Amino acid sequence: EGLADPERVAIFGASFGGYSAFQSPIVAPELFKAAIGYVGVYDLFMLYNTGDIETIRWGSSYLNKTLGSDQEQLKEQSPALNAHKLDLPLFIVHGKDDYRAAYEHAEAMRDALEDLDKPFEWLVKDNEEHGFYDEENREELLRRVIGFLDTHLKISSNL
């Protein structure tokens, strides 16, 4: 419809949105030119033994109902296990003390990309949880996001 320049479309999300930001370019690689995952989940298998969902009274039921038990499908829907399909600029943002989407998710995504020699940007902060709460960290995050988007999509020409 001409609402956006198809060469400058990025996806950015936090938590499930972080997952979506990295899974969407796997499912529809032609749509996105850059992706930013913030406190995201990148390996669905890890949800069963990291973070706090499994410890919540209804956690196991929730995971079983929403994710199912098909091992091949869980693999296909895990960005860290499909990093070879990601051919766009990526930015991973995470807090080391994240209780919901454990920091191990960011490490798994980073390791998968490094194993494939794929470039990515990385912003991880100590003493941050499921989101950045420290004002300086939030400011750095926003500066880095703008810089990332400007580098890869040339957004400053429209500001």
Protein backbone atom coordinates (compact mmCIF):
# COMPACT_ATOMS: atom_id res chain seq x y z
CA GLU A 1 0.00 0.00 0.00
CA GLY A 2 3.04 2.26 -0.03
CA LEU A 3 2.89 2.98 3.69
CA ALA A 4 6.48 1.93 4.33
CA ASP A 5 9.67 1.65 2.37
CA PRO A 6 10.10 -2.14 2.01
CA GLU A 7 13.87 -1.70 2.15
CA ARG A 8 13.67 -0.10 5.60
CA VAL A 9 11.36 -2.33 7.63
CA ALA A 10 12.67 -3.55 10.98
CA ILE A 11 11.06 -5.62 13.70
CA PHE A 12 11.65 -4.93 17.40
CA GLY A 13 10.06 -6.74 20.30
CA ALA A 14 10.48 -7.54 23.98
CA SER A 15 9.81 -10.82 25.78
CA PHE A 16 7.49 -12.78 23.46
CA GLY A 17 7.99 -9.87 21.09
CA GLY A 18 11.75 -10.52 21.25
CA TYR A 19 11.04 -14.08 20.23
CA SER A 20 8.77 -12.82 17.44
CA ALA A 21 11.39 -10.32 16.28
CA PHE A 22 13.81 -13.17 15.55
CA GLN A 23 11.31 -15.85 14.49
CA SER A 24 9.41 -13.63 12.04
CA PRO A 25 12.40 -13.15 9.69
CA ILE A 26 12.83 -16.93 9.69
CA VAL A 27 9.20 -17.42 8.66
CA ALA A 28 9.01 -14.42 6.29
CA PRO A 29 12.58 -13.39 5.42
CA GLU A 30 11.48 -11.08 2.61
CA LEU A 31 9.62 -8.74 4.98
CA PHE A 32 12.36 -7.53 7.32
CA LYS A 33 15.70 -5.79 6.86
CA ALA A 34 16.76 -5.75 10.55
CA ALA A 35 15.61 -7.31 13.83
CA ILE A 36 16.00 -6.37 17.50
CA GLY A 37 15.23 -8.90 20.22
CA TYR A 38 14.91 -7.46 23.74
CA VAL A 39 14.71 -9.89 26.69
CA GLY A 40 13.53 -12.51 24.22
CA VAL A 41 13.07 -16.25 24.26
CA TYR A 42 15.15 -17.91 21.55
CA ASP A 43 15.08 -21.64 22.38
CA LEU A 44 11.64 -23.04 23.23
CA PHE A 45 13.11 -26.16 24.82
CA MET A 46 14.82 -23.95 27.41
CA LEU A 47 11.48 -22.64 28.67
CA TYR A 48 11.02 -25.95 30.45
CA ASN A 49 14.12 -25.53 32.63
CA THR A 50 15.07 -21.83 32.70
CA GLY A 51 13.22 -18.72 33.83
CA ASP A 52 10.26 -18.70 36.18
CA ILE A 53 7.40 -20.10 34.09
CA GLU A 54 8.06 -23.70 35.12
CA THR A 55 8.10 -22.67 38.81
CA ILE A 56 4.65 -21.06 38.70
CA ARG A 57 1.84 -23.35 39.83
CA TRP A 58 0.29 -23.49 36.36
CA GLY A 59 3.59 -23.16 34.50
CA SER A 60 3.91 -26.71 33.19
CA SER A 61 0.31 -26.78 32.00
CA TYR A 62 0.77 -23.43 30.30
CA LEU A 63 3.92 -24.55 28.49
CA ASN A 64 2.40 -27.86 27.44
CA LYS A 65 -0.75 -26.18 26.15
CA THR A 66 0.94 -23.29 24.32
CA LEU A 67 4.07 -25.03 23.03
CA GLY A 68 2.90 -28.59 22.68
CA SER A 69 5.20 -31.59 22.79
CA ASP A 70 6.18 -32.07 19.15
CA GLN A 71 9.97 -31.96 19.36
CA GLU A 72 10.47 -31.19 15.68
CA GLN A 73 7.99 -28.34 15.81
CA LEU A 74 9.68 -26.89 18.92
CA LYS A 75 12.99 -27.01 17.06
CA GLU A 76 11.52 -25.34 13.96
CA GLN A 77 10.04 -22.58 16.11
CA SER A 78 13.24 -21.80 18.06
CA PRO A 79 15.29 -18.96 16.55
CA ALA A 80 18.54 -20.12 18.18
CA LEU A 81 18.14 -23.49 16.49
CA ASN A 82 17.48 -21.85 13.13
CA ALA A 83 20.09 -19.10 13.18
CA HIS A 84 21.31 -20.29 9.78
CA LYS A 85 18.07 -18.86 8.34
CA LEU A 86 18.69 -15.37 9.71
CA ASP A 87 20.33 -13.24 7.06
CA LEU A 88 19.71 -9.72 8.28
CA PRO A 89 21.25 -7.38 10.86
CA LEU A 90 20.42 -8.57 14.38
CA PHE A 91 20.64 -6.88 17.78
CA ILE A 92 20.29 -8.91 20.99
CA VAL A 93 19.45 -7.03 24.22
CA HIS A 94 19.14 -8.76 27.58
CA GLY A 95 19.47 -8.35 31.34
CA LYS A 96 21.68 -10.86 33.12
CA ASP A 97 19.20 -11.21 36.00
CA ASP A 98 16.12 -11.84 33.85
CA TYR A 99 13.84 -14.17 35.82
CA ARG A 100 11.26 -14.66 33.03
CA ALA A 101 13.26 -15.09 29.80
CA ALA A 102 16.49 -16.30 31.36
CA TYR A 103 19.78 -14.79 30.21
CA GLU A 104 20.65 -18.25 28.83
CA HIS A 105 18.32 -17.51 25.92
CA ALA A 106 20.49 -14.57 24.86
CA GLU A 107 23.60 -16.70 25.28
CA ALA A 108 22.09 -19.47 23.15
CA MET A 109 21.21 -17.00 20.39
CA ARG A 110 24.64 -15.38 20.57
CA ASP A 111 26.42 -18.74 20.48
CA ALA A 112 24.37 -19.93 17.51
CA LEU A 113 25.19 -16.78 15.55
CA GLU A 114 28.87 -16.94 16.50
CA ASP A 115 29.07 -20.59 15.46
CA LEU A 116 27.85 -19.50 12.01
CA ASP A 117 30.10 -16.41 11.90
CA LYS A 118 27.01 -14.22 11.57
CA PRO A 119 27.40 -10.62 12.70
CA PHE A 120 25.14 -9.17 15.38
CA GLU A 121 25.08 -6.44 17.98
CA TRP A 122 24.95 -7.24 21.67
CA LEU A 123 23.83 -5.24 24.70
CA VAL A 124 23.72 -7.08 28.01
CA LYS A 125 23.51 -5.42 31.40
CA ASP A 126 24.26 -6.74 34.88
CA ASN A 127 21.58 -6.12 37.51
CA GLU A 128 18.81 -5.84 34.93
CA GLU A 129 15.87 -8.18 34.79
CA HIS A 130 13.02 -8.65 32.30
CA GLY A 131 13.54 -5.17 30.89
CA PHE A 132 15.94 -2.39 31.73
CA TYR A 133 14.91 -0.36 34.77
CA ASP A 134 18.04 1.70 35.34
CA GLU A 135 17.62 5.07 33.61
CA GLU A 136 21.17 5.09 32.21
CA ASN A 137 20.72 1.59 30.81
CA ARG A 138 17.41 2.54 29.17
CA GLU A 139 19.03 5.62 27.67
CA GLU A 140 21.92 3.53 26.33
CA LEU A 141 19.44 1.01 24.91
CA LEU A 142 17.53 3.72 23.05
CA ARG A 143 20.73 5.31 21.71
CA ARG A 144 21.95 1.90 20.54
CA VAL A 145 18.62 1.05 18.91
CA ILE A 146 18.63 4.34 17.00
CA GLY A 147 22.25 3.78 15.98
CA PHE A 148 21.53 0.22 14.87
CA LEU A 149 18.54 1.29 12.80
CA ASP A 150 20.43 4.21 11.32
CA THR A 151 23.38 2.01 10.39
CA HIS A 152 21.25 -0.64 8.72
CA LEU A 153 18.18 1.27 7.51
CA LYS A 154 19.46 4.85 7.26
CA ILE A 155 16.67 6.24 9.45
CA SER A 156 18.41 9.55 10.16
CA SER A 157 17.63 10.73 6.65
CA ASN A 158 13.95 10.75 7.69
CA LEU A 159 14.34 12.33 11.15
